[in-house]
Amino acid sequence: MPGGGFVRLPGGSVVVALTLPRPLLKGPVAGGIAGGVTGGTEGGNVRVLVHAVNRARALTRLRNLGLRAVYLRGNAEPPTPDEITAVLHHPDGLLWRSAPDRAAELWHPIRALLG
């Protein structure tokens, strides 16, 4: 079952963190992704971070990218302070990395996951 949570920031915006199944791609991603993730049809989970005005807008941003069945139920796995810092410093406000966390893996832009 995918887990997730959110944190409301002092400015009123929110950071939503979701653990989702890795989307299956039709074929391997050309060149792979720096950090050892090769894309393709393997399974596993990814941790996705979204910075938005509110929770509904954050989920809408993911649905607009093609992740249709994305819901936030409860606040069991809120984003850590390091995750909040990472998503606030990224211009798109949408990041992901493999879950469970691999210490050497960096955060990737969402475009790298969805191809």
PDB file of N, CA and C in Angstrom:
ATOM      1  N   MET A   1       0.835  -1.177   0.000  1.00  0.00           N
ATOM      2  CA  MET A   1       0.000   0.000   0.000  1.00  0.00           C
ATOM      3  C   MET A   1       0.876   1.236   0.000  1.00  0.00           C
ATOM      4  N   PRO A   2       0.700   2.117  -0.948  1.00  0.00           N
ATOM      5  CA  PRO A   2       1.500   3.327  -0.980  1.00  0.00           C
ATOM      6  C   PRO A   2       1.236   4.183   0.247  1.00  0.00           C
ATOM      7  N   GLY A   3       2.300   4.760   0.781  1.00  0.00           N
ATOM      8  CA  GLY A   3       2.172   5.636   1.938  1.00  0.00           C
ATOM      9  C   GLY A   3       2.533   7.042   1.553  1.00  0.00           C
ATOM     10  N   GLY A   4       2.200   7.945   2.428  1.00  0.00           N
ATOM     11  CA  GLY A   4       2.533   9.318   2.151  1.00  0.00           C
ATOM     12  C   GLY A   4       2.154  10.220   3.296  1.00  0.00           C
ATOM     13  N   GLY A   5       2.428  11.488   3.100  1.00  0.00           N
ATOM     14  CA  GLY A   5       2.109  12.482   4.100  1.00  0.00           C
ATOM     15  C   GLY A   5       2.402  13.858   3.556  1.00  0.00           C
ATOM     16  N   PHE A   6       2.179  14.862   4.388  1.00  0.00           N
ATOM     17  CA  PHE A   6       2.386  16.235   3.963  1.00  0.00           C
ATOM     18  C   PHE A   6       2.846  17.069   5.143  1.00  0.00           C
ATOM     19  N   VAL A   7       3.418  18.233   4.824  1.00  0.00           N
ATOM     20  CA  VAL A   7       3.816  19.218   5.817  1.00  0.00           C
ATOM     21  C   VAL A   7       3.379  20.572   5.294  1.00  0.00           C
ATOM     22  N   ARG A   8       2.683  21.332   6.137  1.00  0.00           N
ATOM     23  CA  ARG A   8       2.307  22.702   5.786  1.00  0.00           C
ATOM     24  C   ARG A   8       3.452  23.618   6.199  1.00  0.00           C
ATOM     25  N   LEU A   9       3.921  24.421   5.259  1.00  0.00           N
ATOM     26  CA  LEU A   9       5.039  25.328   5.503  1.00  0.00           C
ATOM     27  C   LEU A   9       4.527  26.649   6.084  1.00  0.00           C
ATOM     28  N   PRO A  10       5.410  27.429   6.722  1.00  0.00           N
ATOM     29  CA  PRO A  10       4.969  28.696   7.328  1.00  0.00           C
ATOM     30  C   PRO A  10       4.335  29.671   6.340  1.00  0.00           C
ATOM     31  N   GLY A  11       4.714  29.615   5.082  1.00  0.00           N
ATOM     32  CA  GLY A  11       4.143  30.504   4.072  1.00  0.00           C
ATOM     33  C   GLY A  11       2.768  30.081   3.587  1.00  0.00           C
ATOM     34  N   GLY A  12       2.271  28.930   4.043  1.00  0.00           N
ATOM     35  CA  GLY A  12       0.954  28.458   3.646  1.00  0.00           C
ATOM     36  C   GLY A  12       0.975  27.356   2.604  1.00  0.00           C
ATOM     37  N   SER A  13       2.085  27.169   1.893  1.00  0.00           N
ATOM     38  CA  SER A  13       2.154  26.101   0.895  1.00  0.00           C
ATOM     39  C   SER A  13       2.414  24.768   1.598  1.00  0.00           C
ATOM     40  N   VAL A  14       2.347  23.684   0.837  1.00  0.00           N
ATOM     41  CA  VAL A  14       2.560  22.356   1.402  1.00  0.00           C
ATOM     42  C   VAL A  14       3.595  21.595   0.595  1.00  0.00           C
ATOM     43  N   VAL A  15       4.237  20.638   1.247  1.00  0.00           N
ATOM     44  CA  VAL A  15       5.094  19.660   0.586  1.00  0.00           C
ATOM     45  C   VAL A  15       4.447  18.309   0.837  1.00  0.00           C
ATOM     46  N   VAL A  16       4.128  17.607  -0.249  1.00  0.00           N
ATOM     47  CA  VAL A  16       3.505  16.289  -0.174  1.00  0.00           C
ATOM     48  C   VAL A  16       4.541  15.255  -0.583  1.00  0.00           C
ATOM     49  N   ALA A  17       4.641  14.190   0.201  1.00  0.00           N
ATOM     50  CA  ALA A  17       5.549  13.083  -0.096  1.00  0.00           C
ATOM     51  C   ALA A  17       4.721  11.814  -0.224  1.00  0.00           C
ATOM     52  N   LEU A  18       4.902  11.101  -1.327  1.00  0.00           N
ATOM     53  CA  LEU A  18       4.172   9.855  -1.578  1.00  0.00           C
ATOM     54  C   LEU A  18       5.147   8.753  -1.960  1.00  0.00           C
ATOM     55  N   THR A  19       4.911   7.556  -1.474  1.00  0.00           N
ATOM     56  CA  THR A  19       5.648   6.376  -1.915  1.00  0.00           C
ATOM     57  C   THR A  19       4.728   5.618  -2.851  1.00  0.00           C
ATOM     58  N   LEU A  20       5.123   5.538  -4.117  1.00  0.00           N
ATOM     59  CA  LEU A  20       4.283   4.962  -5.164  1.00  0.00           C
ATOM     60  C   LEU A  20       5.012   3.826  -5.873  1.00  0.00           C
ATOM     61  N   PRO A  21       4.258   2.914  -6.494  1.00  0.00           N
ATOM     62  CA  PRO A  21       4.919   1.913  -7.347  1.00  0.00           C
ATOM     63  C   PRO A  21       5.554   2.606  -8.548  1.00  0.00           C
ATOM     64  N   ARG A  22       6.725   2.126  -8.931  1.00  0.00           N
ATOM     65  CA  ARG A  22       7.413   2.716 -10.095  1.00  0.00           C
ATOM     66  C   ARG A  22       6.564   2.490 -11.342  1.00  0.00           C
ATOM     67  N   PRO A  23       6.311   3.555 -12.112  1.00  0.00           N
ATOM     68  CA  PRO A  23       5.545   3.372 -13.356  1.00  0.00           C
ATOM     69  C   PRO A  23       6.304   2.473 -14.319  1.00  0.00           C
ATOM     70  N   LEU A  24       5.578   1.571 -14.966  1.00  0.00           N
ATOM     71  CA  LEU A  24       6.197   0.693 -15.956  1.00  0.00           C
ATOM     72  C   LEU A  24       6.329   1.430 -17.270  1.00  0.00           C
ATOM     73  N   LEU A  25       7.506   1.343 -17.860  1.00  0.00           N
ATOM     74  CA  LEU A  25       7.773   2.000 -19.135  1.00  0.00           C
ATOM     75  C   LEU A  25       7.731   0.969 -20.239  1.00  0.00           C
ATOM     76  N   LYS A  26       7.498   1.412 -21.465  1.00  0.00           N
ATOM     77  CA  LYS A  26       7.397   0.495 -22.595  1.00  0.00           C
ATOM     78  C   LYS A  26       8.731  -0.131 -22.958  1.00  0.00           C
ATOM     79  N   GLY A  27       9.818   0.535 -22.693  1.00  0.00           N
ATOM     80  CA  GLY A  27      11.144   0.020 -23.006  1.00  0.00           C
ATOM     81  C   GLY A  27      12.166   0.699 -22.129  1.00  0.00           C
ATOM     82  N   PRO A  28      13.432   0.283 -22.215  1.00  0.00           N
ATOM     83  CA  PRO A  28      14.436   0.922 -21.379  1.00  0.00           C
ATOM     84  C   PRO A  28      14.638   2.379 -21.761  1.00  0.00           C
ATOM     85  N   VAL A  29      14.919   3.177 -20.777  1.00  0.00           N
ATOM     86  CA  VAL A  29      15.190   4.589 -21.015  1.00  0.00           C
ATOM     87  C   VAL A  29      16.585   4.714 -21.602  1.00  0.00           C
ATOM     88  N   ALA A  30      16.704   5.463 -22.684  1.00  0.00           N
ATOM     89  CA  ALA A  30      17.995   5.619 -23.343  1.00  0.00           C
ATOM     90  C   ALA A  30      18.997   6.264 -22.399  1.00  0.00           C
ATOM     91  N   GLY A  31      20.082   5.581 -22.145  1.00  0.00           N
ATOM     92  CA  GLY A  31      21.139   6.140 -21.318  1.00  0.00           C
ATOM     93  C   GLY A  31      20.926   5.958 -19.835  1.00  0.00           C
ATOM     94  N   GLY A  32      19.738   5.598 -19.397  1.00  0.00           N
ATOM     95  CA  GLY A  32      19.483   5.432 -17.973  1.00  0.00           C
ATOM     96  C   GLY A  32      19.484   6.766 -17.263  1.00  0.00           C
ATOM     97  N   ILE A  33      19.579   6.703 -15.967  1.00  0.00           N
ATOM     98  CA  ILE A  33      19.561   7.897 -15.138  1.00  0.00           C
ATOM     99  C   ILE A  33      20.813   7.863 -14.281  1.00  0.00           C
ATOM    100  N   ALA A  34      21.461   9.001 -14.132  1.00  0.00           N
ATOM    101  CA  ALA A  34      22.657   9.057 -13.309  1.00  0.00           C
ATOM    102  C   ALA A  34      22.338   8.576 -11.903  1.00  0.00           C
ATOM    103  N   GLY A  35      23.207   7.793 -11.331  1.00  0.00           N
ATOM    104  CA  GLY A  35      22.990   7.289  -9.992  1.00  0.00           C
ATOM    105  C   GLY A  35      22.618   5.825  -9.970  1.00  0.00           C
ATOM    106  N   GLY A  36      22.628   5.164 -11.112  1.00  0.00           N
ATOM    107  CA  GLY A  36      22.430   3.736 -11.138  1.00  0.00           C
ATOM    108  C   GLY A  36      21.029   3.277 -11.457  1.00  0.00           C
ATOM    109  N   VAL A  37      20.066   4.152 -11.625  1.00  0.00           N
ATOM    110  CA  VAL A  37      18.712   3.744 -11.966  1.00  0.00           C
ATOM    111  C   VAL A  37      18.627   3.669 -13.479  1.00  0.00           C
ATOM    112  N   THR A  38      18.220   2.516 -14.011  1.00  0.00           N
ATOM    113  CA  THR A  38      18.260   2.331 -15.447  1.00  0.00           C
ATOM    114  C   THR A  38      16.916   2.468 -16.128  1.00  0.00           C
ATOM    115  N   GLY A  39      15.833   2.637 -15.385  1.00  0.00           N
ATOM    116  CA  GLY A  39      14.519   2.733 -16.025  1.00  0.00           C
ATOM    117  C   GLY A  39      14.100   1.380 -16.559  1.00  0.00           C
ATOM    118  N   GLY A  40      13.144   1.364 -17.474  1.00  0.00           N
ATOM    119  CA  GLY A  40      12.712   0.110 -18.046  1.00  0.00           C
ATOM    120  C   GLY A  40      11.487  -0.439 -17.360  1.00  0.00           C
ATOM    121  N   THR A  41      11.378  -1.757 -17.313  1.00  0.00           N
ATOM    122  CA  THR A  41      10.149  -2.372 -16.843  1.00  0.00           C
ATOM    123  C   THR A  41      10.265  -2.962 -15.447  1.00  0.00           C
ATOM    124  N   GLU A  42      11.343  -2.666 -14.697  1.00  0.00           N
ATOM    125  CA  GLU A  42      11.464  -3.226 -13.357  1.00  0.00           C
ATOM    126  C   GLU A  42      10.465  -2.561 -12.421  1.00  0.00           C
ATOM    127  N   GLY A  43      10.116  -3.276 -11.355  1.00  0.00           N
ATOM    128  CA  GLY A  43       9.163  -2.756 -10.383  1.00  0.00           C
ATOM    129  C   GLY A  43       9.864  -1.950  -9.314  1.00  0.00           C
ATOM    130  N   GLY A  44       9.343  -2.033  -8.110  1.00  0.00           N
ATOM    131  CA  GLY A  44       9.911  -1.275  -7.008  1.00  0.00           C
ATOM    132  C   GLY A  44       9.073  -0.046  -6.724  1.00  0.00           C
ATOM    133  N   ASN A  45       9.460   0.657  -5.697  1.00  0.00           N
ATOM    134  CA  ASN A  45       8.742   1.869  -5.304  1.00  0.00           C
ATOM    135  C   ASN A  45       9.620   3.083  -5.478  1.00  0.00           C
ATOM    136  N   VAL A  46       8.985   4.227  -5.620  1.00  0.00           N
ATOM    137  CA  VAL A  46       9.680   5.505  -5.677  1.00  0.00           C
ATOM    138  C   VAL A  46       9.038   6.449  -4.670  1.00  0.00           C
ATOM    139  N   ARG A  47       9.833   7.340  -4.133  1.00  0.00           N
ATOM    140  CA  ARG A  47       9.358   8.383  -3.224  1.00  0.00           C
ATOM    141  C   ARG A  47       9.256   9.646  -4.052  1.00  0.00           C
ATOM    142  N   VAL A  48       8.066  10.214  -4.141  1.00  0.00           N
ATOM    143  CA  VAL A  48       7.809  11.395  -4.956  1.00  0.00           C
ATOM    144  C   VAL A  48       7.514  12.560  -4.028  1.00  0.00           C
ATOM    145  N   LEU A  49       8.147  13.711  -4.297  1.00  0.00           N
ATOM    146  CA  LEU A  49       7.926  14.930  -3.525  1.00  0.00           C
ATOM    147  C   LEU A  49       7.307  15.984  -4.418  1.00  0.00           C
ATOM    148  N   VAL A  50       6.297  16.685  -3.907  1.00  0.00           N
ATOM    149  CA  VAL A  50       5.620  17.734  -4.664  1.00  0.00           C
ATOM    150  C   VAL A  50       5.465  18.956  -3.774  1.00  0.00           C
ATOM    151  N   HIS A  51       5.851  20.122  -4.287  1.00  0.00           N
ATOM    152  CA  HIS A  51       5.630  21.389  -3.602  1.00  0.00           C
ATOM    153  C   HIS A  51       4.503  22.107  -4.322  1.00  0.00           C
ATOM    154  N   ALA A  52       3.463  22.492  -3.590  1.00  0.00           N
ATOM    155  CA  ALA A  52       2.305  23.143  -4.210  1.00  0.00           C
ATOM    156  C   ALA A  52       1.614  24.045  -3.196  1.00  0.00           C
ATOM    157  N   VAL A  53       0.602  24.768  -3.668  1.00  0.00           N
ATOM    158  CA  VAL A  53      -0.154  25.694  -2.835  1.00  0.00           C
ATOM    159  C   VAL A  53      -0.961  24.947  -1.774  1.00  0.00           C
ATOM    160  N   ASN A  54      -1.551  23.810  -2.148  1.00  0.00           N
ATOM    161  CA  ASN A  54      -2.315  22.998  -1.194  1.00  0.00           C
ATOM    162  C   ASN A  54      -2.227  21.523  -1.603  1.00  0.00           C
ATOM    163  N   ARG A  55      -2.777  20.640  -0.763  1.00  0.00           N
ATOM    164  CA  ARG A  55      -2.668  19.202  -1.031  1.00  0.00           C
ATOM    165  C   ARG A  55      -3.379  18.808  -2.321  1.00  0.00           C
ATOM    166  N   ALA A  56      -4.555  19.368  -2.544  1.00  0.00           N
ATOM    167  CA  ALA A  56      -5.304  19.028  -3.759  1.00  0.00           C
ATOM    168  C   ALA A  56      -4.526  19.419  -5.007  1.00  0.00           C
ATOM    169  N   ARG A  57      -3.900  20.573  -5.003  1.00  0.00           N
ATOM    170  CA  ARG A  57      -3.114  21.025  -6.153  1.00  0.00           C
ATOM    171  C   ARG A  57      -1.891  20.147  -6.367  1.00  0.00           C
ATOM    172  N   ALA A  58      -1.283  19.675  -5.285  1.00  0.00           N
ATOM    173  CA  ALA A  58      -0.123  18.782  -5.399  1.00  0.00           C
ATOM    174  C   ALA A  58      -0.519  17.468  -6.071  1.00  0.00           C
ATOM    175  N   LEU A  59      -1.637  16.896  -5.663  1.00  0.00           N
ATOM    176  CA  LEU A  59      -2.090  15.649  -6.278  1.00  0.00           C
ATOM    177  C   LEU A  59      -2.510  15.864  -7.724  1.00  0.00           C
ATOM    178  N   THR A  60      -3.083  17.021  -8.022  1.00  0.00           N
ATOM    179  CA  THR A  60      -3.456  17.342  -9.403  1.00  0.00           C
ATOM    180  C   THR A  60      -2.221  17.435 -10.290  1.00  0.00           C
ATOM    181  N   ARG A  61      -1.135  17.998  -9.773  1.00  0.00           N
ATOM    182  CA  ARG A  61       0.105  18.071 -10.557  1.00  0.00           C
ATOM    183  C   ARG A  61       0.578  16.679 -10.957  1.00  0.00           C
ATOM    184  N   LEU A  62       0.486  15.707 -10.035  1.00  0.00           N
ATOM    185  CA  LEU A  62       0.897  14.330 -10.360  1.00  0.00           C
ATOM    186  C   LEU A  62      -0.071  13.676 -11.336  1.00  0.00           C
ATOM    187  N   ARG A  63      -1.360  13.910 -11.163  1.00  0.00           N
ATOM    188  CA  ARG A  63      -2.348  13.321 -12.079  1.00  0.00           C
ATOM    189  C   ARG A  63      -2.187  13.878 -13.487  1.00  0.00           C
ATOM    190  N   ASN A  64      -1.831  15.140 -13.606  1.00  0.00           N
ATOM    191  CA  ASN A  64      -1.624  15.740 -14.921  1.00  0.00           C
ATOM    192  C   ASN A  64      -0.410  15.156 -15.639  1.00  0.00           C
ATOM    193  N   LEU A  65       0.498  14.554 -14.885  1.00  0.00           N
ATOM    194  CA  LEU A  65       1.669  13.918 -15.483  1.00  0.00           C
ATOM    195  C   LEU A  65       1.405  12.470 -15.880  1.00  0.00           C
ATOM    196  N   GLY A  66       0.202  11.973 -15.597  1.00  0.00           N
ATOM    197  CA  GLY A  66      -0.144  10.617 -15.995  1.00  0.00           C
ATOM    198  C   GLY A  66      -0.251   9.630 -14.851  1.00  0.00           C
ATOM    199  N   LEU A  67       0.027  10.050 -13.634  1.00  0.00           N
ATOM    200  CA  LEU A  67      -0.112   9.178 -12.467  1.00  0.00           C
ATOM    201  C   LEU A  67      -1.541   9.323 -11.950  1.00  0.00           C
ATOM    202  N   ARG A  68      -2.464   8.605 -12.566  1.00  0.00           N
ATOM    203  CA  ARG A  68      -3.894   8.816 -12.330  1.00  0.00           C
ATOM    204  C   ARG A  68      -4.381   8.385 -10.958  1.00  0.00           C
ATOM    205  N   ALA A  69      -3.972   7.244 -10.471  1.00  0.00           N
ATOM    206  CA  ALA A  69      -4.504   6.708  -9.219  1.00  0.00           C
ATOM    207  C   ALA A  69      -3.632   7.137  -8.040  1.00  0.00           C
ATOM    208  N   VAL A  70      -3.524   8.438  -7.815  1.00  0.00           N
ATOM    209  CA  VAL A  70      -2.701   8.973  -6.739  1.00  0.00           C
ATOM    210  C   VAL A  70      -3.619   9.607  -5.700  1.00  0.00           C
ATOM    211  N   TYR A  71      -3.558   9.073  -4.486  1.00  0.00           N
ATOM    212  CA  TYR A  71      -4.375   9.597  -3.396  1.00  0.00           C
ATOM    213  C   TYR A  71      -3.508   9.742  -2.156  1.00  0.00           C
ATOM    214  N   LEU A  72      -3.867  10.680  -1.314  1.00  0.00           N
ATOM    215  CA  LEU A  72      -3.172  10.884  -0.045  1.00  0.00           C
ATOM    216  C   LEU A  72      -4.155  10.563   1.069  1.00  0.00           C
ATOM    217  N   ARG A  73      -3.925   9.445   1.727  1.00  0.00           N
ATOM    218  CA  ARG A  73      -4.803   9.025   2.822  1.00  0.00           C
ATOM    219  C   ARG A  73      -4.001   9.059   4.112  1.00  0.00           C
ATOM    220  N   GLY A  74      -4.313   9.997   4.961  1.00  0.00           N
ATOM    221  CA  GLY A  74      -3.614  10.105   6.229  1.00  0.00           C
ATOM    222  C   GLY A  74      -2.291  10.842   6.103  1.00  0.00           C
ATOM    223  N   ASN A  75      -1.528  10.769   7.180  1.00  0.00           N
ATOM    224  CA  ASN A  75      -0.244  11.460   7.231  1.00  0.00           C
ATOM    225  C   ASN A  75       0.784  10.549   7.885  1.00  0.00           C
ATOM    226  N   ALA A  76       0.813   9.277   7.441  1.00  0.00           N
ATOM    227  CA  ALA A  76       1.657   8.268   8.069  1.00  0.00           C
ATOM    228  C   ALA A  76       3.140   8.462   7.774  1.00  0.00           C
ATOM    229  N   GLU A  77       3.490   8.960   6.582  1.00  0.00           N
ATOM    230  CA  GLU A  77       4.889   9.133   6.186  1.00  0.00           C
ATOM    231  C   GLU A  77       5.131  10.557   5.681  1.00  0.00           C
ATOM    232  N   PRO A  78       5.125  11.537   6.587  1.00  0.00           N
ATOM    233  CA  PRO A  78       5.356  12.920   6.137  1.00  0.00           C
ATOM    234  C   PRO A  78       6.785  13.104   5.629  1.00  0.00           C
ATOM    235  N   PRO A  79       7.016  14.132   4.832  1.00  0.00           N
ATOM    236  CA  PRO A  79       8.373  14.371   4.331  1.00  0.00           C
ATOM    237  C   PRO A  79       9.327  14.743   5.462  1.00  0.00           C
ATOM    238  N   THR A  80      10.552  14.282   5.324  1.00  0.00           N
ATOM    239  CA  THR A  80      11.590  14.612   6.301  1.00  0.00           C
ATOM    240  C   THR A  80      12.109  16.021   6.025  1.00  0.00           C
ATOM    241  N   PRO A  81      12.817  16.629   6.974  1.00  0.00           N
ATOM    242  CA  PRO A  81      13.396  17.950   6.716  1.00  0.00           C
ATOM    243  C   PRO A  81      14.323  17.970   5.495  1.00  0.00           C
ATOM    244  N   ASP A  82      15.084  16.898   5.267  1.00  0.00           N
ATOM    245  CA  ASP A  82      15.959  16.842   4.086  1.00  0.00           C
ATOM    246  C   ASP A  82      15.149  16.811   2.798  1.00  0.00           C
ATOM    247  N   GLU A  83      14.029  16.087   2.803  1.00  0.00           N
ATOM    248  CA  GLU A  83      13.172  16.038   1.619  1.00  0.00           C
ATOM    249  C   GLU A  83      12.535  17.401   1.349  1.00  0.00           C
ATOM    250  N   ILE A  84      12.126  18.086   2.406  1.00  0.00           N
ATOM    251  CA  ILE A  84      11.535  19.413   2.240  1.00  0.00           C
ATOM    252  C   ILE A  84      12.553  20.369   1.637  1.00  0.00           C
ATOM    253  N   THR A  85      13.768  20.329   2.142  1.00  0.00           N
ATOM    254  CA  THR A  85      14.826  21.189   1.608  1.00  0.00           C
ATOM    255  C   THR A  85      15.085  20.896   0.136  1.00  0.00           C
ATOM    256  N   ALA A  86      15.125  19.623  -0.219  1.00  0.00           N
ATOM    257  CA  ALA A  86      15.402  19.242  -1.614  1.00  0.00           C
ATOM    258  C   ALA A  86      14.331  19.772  -2.555  1.00  0.00           C
ATOM    259  N   VAL A  87      13.065  19.599  -2.206  1.00  0.00           N
ATOM    260  CA  VAL A  87      11.993  20.010  -3.120  1.00  0.00           C
ATOM    261  C   VAL A  87      11.857  21.536  -3.166  1.00  0.00           C
ATOM    262  N   LEU A  88      12.151  22.230  -2.075  1.00  0.00           N
ATOM    263  CA  LEU A  88      12.074  23.699  -2.097  1.00  0.00           C
ATOM    264  C   LEU A  88      13.176  24.320  -2.947  1.00  0.00           C
ATOM    265  N   HIS A  89      14.313  23.638  -3.074  1.00  0.00           N
ATOM    266  CA  HIS A  89      15.413  24.183  -3.858  1.00  0.00           C
ATOM    267  C   HIS A  89      15.391  23.744  -5.318  1.00  0.00           C
ATOM    268  N   HIS A  90      14.402  22.951  -5.709  1.00  0.00           N
ATOM    269  CA  HIS A  90      14.302  22.532  -7.112  1.00  0.00           C
ATOM    270  C   HIS A  90      13.315  23.439  -7.832  1.00  0.00           C
ATOM    271  N   PRO A  91      13.652  23.930  -9.037  1.00  0.00           N
ATOM    272  CA  PRO A  91      12.779  24.886  -9.726  1.00  0.00           C
ATOM    273  C   PRO A  91      11.396  24.346 -10.081  1.00  0.00           C
ATOM    274  N   ASP A  92      11.288  23.044 -10.375  1.00  0.00           N
ATOM    275  CA  ASP A  92       9.988  22.483 -10.742  1.00  0.00           C
ATOM    276  C   ASP A  92       9.140  22.128  -9.532  1.00  0.00           C
ATOM    277  N   GLY A  93       9.765  21.861  -8.394  1.00  0.00           N
ATOM    278  CA  GLY A  93       9.025  21.450  -7.218  1.00  0.00           C
ATOM    279  C   GLY A  93       8.481  20.040  -7.299  1.00  0.00           C
ATOM    280  N   LEU A  94       9.037  19.208  -8.180  1.00  0.00           N
ATOM    281  CA  LEU A  94       8.641  17.800  -8.342  1.00  0.00           C
ATOM    282  C   LEU A  94       9.899  16.950  -8.439  1.00  0.00           C
ATOM    283  N   LEU A  95      10.117  16.081  -7.457  1.00  0.00           N
ATOM    284  CA  LEU A  95      11.310  15.243  -7.414  1.00  0.00           C
ATOM    285  C   LEU A  95      10.942  13.807  -7.076  1.00  0.00           C
ATOM    286  N   TRP A  96      11.872  12.882  -7.349  1.00  0.00           N
ATOM    287  CA  TRP A  96      11.674  11.482  -6.972  1.00  0.00           C
ATOM    288  C   TRP A  96      13.019  10.813  -6.761  1.00  0.00           C
ATOM    289  N   ARG A  97      12.993   9.711  -6.018  1.00  0.00           N
ATOM    290  CA  ARG A  97      14.122   8.789  -5.924  1.00  0.00           C
ATOM    291  C   ARG A  97      13.587   7.435  -5.470  1.00  0.00           C
ATOM    292  N   SER A  98      14.394   6.406  -5.625  1.00  0.00           N
ATOM    293  CA  SER A  98      13.965   5.055  -5.280  1.00  0.00           C
ATOM    294  C   SER A  98      13.670   4.936  -3.796  1.00  0.00           C
ATOM    295  N   ALA A  99      12.708   4.103  -3.466  1.00  0.00           N
ATOM    296  CA  ALA A  99      12.375   3.825  -2.069  1.00  0.00           C
ATOM    297  C   ALA A  99      12.485   2.323  -1.868  1.00  0.00           C
ATOM    298  N   PRO A 100      13.061   1.806  -0.848  1.00  0.00           N
ATOM    299  CA  PRO A 100      13.630   2.551   0.266  1.00  0.00           C
ATOM    300  C   PRO A 100      14.877   3.307  -0.170  1.00  0.00           C
ATOM    301  N   ASP A 101      15.197   4.334   0.592  1.00  0.00           N
ATOM    302  CA  ASP A 101      16.296   5.235   0.214  1.00  0.00           C
ATOM    303  C   ASP A 101      17.617   4.495   0.089  1.00  0.00           C
ATOM    304  N   ARG A 102      18.314   4.812  -0.986  1.00  0.00           N
ATOM    305  CA  ARG A 102      19.700   4.368  -1.131  1.00  0.00           C
ATOM    306  C   ARG A 102      20.554   5.583  -0.828  1.00  0.00           C
ATOM    307  N   ALA A 103      21.497   5.434   0.062  1.00  0.00           N
ATOM    308  CA  ALA A 103      22.266   6.573   0.563  1.00  0.00           C
ATOM    309  C   ALA A 103      22.969   7.344  -0.551  1.00  0.00           C
ATOM    310  N   ALA A 104      23.432   6.655  -1.586  1.00  0.00           N
ATOM    311  CA  ALA A 104      24.206   7.322  -2.635  1.00  0.00           C
ATOM    312  C   ALA A 104      23.324   7.946  -3.718  1.00  0.00           C
ATOM    313  N   GLU A 105      22.030   7.660  -3.717  1.00  0.00           N
ATOM    314  CA  GLU A 105      21.177   8.156  -4.795  1.00  0.00           C
ATOM    315  C   GLU A 105      20.712   9.577  -4.513  1.00  0.00           C
ATOM    316  N   LEU A 106      20.801  10.408  -5.536  1.00  0.00           N
ATOM    317  CA  LEU A 106      20.337  11.786  -5.425  1.00  0.00           C
ATOM    318  C   LEU A 106      18.890  11.883  -5.901  1.00  0.00           C
ATOM    319  N   TRP A 107      18.274  13.020  -5.661  1.00  0.00           N
ATOM    320  CA  TRP A 107      16.915  13.266  -6.139  1.00  0.00           C
ATOM    321  C   TRP A 107      16.964  13.552  -7.635  1.00  0.00           C
ATOM    322  N   HIS A 108      15.936  13.080  -8.364  1.00  0.00           N
ATOM    323  CA  HIS A 108      15.853  13.260  -9.806  1.00  0.00           C
ATOM    324  C   HIS A 108      14.623  14.090 -10.138  1.00  0.00           C
ATOM    325  N   PRO A 109      14.674  14.883 -11.225  1.00  0.00           N
ATOM    326  CA  PRO A 109      13.454  15.566 -11.682  1.00  0.00           C
ATOM    327  C   PRO A 109      12.426  14.541 -12.145  1.00  0.00           C
ATOM    328  N   ILE A 110      11.173  14.864 -12.047  1.00  0.00           N
ATOM    329  CA  ILE A 110      10.098  13.933 -12.365  1.00  0.00           C
ATOM    330  C   ILE A 110      10.136  13.515 -13.832  1.00  0.00           C
ATOM    331  N   ARG A 111      10.657  14.365 -14.707  1.00  0.00           N
ATOM    332  CA  ARG A 111      10.754  14.028 -16.138  1.00  0.00           C
ATOM    333  C   ARG A 111      11.608  12.784 -16.360  1.00  0.00           C
ATOM    334  N   ALA A 112      12.609  12.566 -15.503  1.00  0.00           N
ATOM    335  CA  ALA A 112      13.477  11.399 -15.647  1.00  0.00           C
ATOM    336  C   ALA A 112      12.731  10.105 -15.328  1.00  0.00           C
ATOM    337  N   LEU A 113      11.731  10.161 -14.486  1.00  0.00           N
ATOM    338  CA  LEU A 113      10.963   8.971 -14.133  1.00  0.00           C
ATOM    339  C   LEU A 113       9.941   8.627 -15.185  1.00  0.00           C
ATOM    340  N   LEU A 114       9.283   9.632 -15.719  1.00  0.00           N
ATOM    341  CA  LEU A 114       8.192   9.403 -16.648  1.00  0.00           C
ATOM    342  C   LEU A 114       8.617   9.352 -18.100  1.00  0.00           C
ATOM    343  N   GLY A 115       9.858   9.710 -18.369  1.00  0.00           N
ATOM    344  CA  GLY A 115      10.380   9.597 -19.723  1.00  0.00           C
ATOM    345  C   GLY A 115       9.953  10.686 -20.574  1.00  0.00           C
TER     346      GLY A 115
END
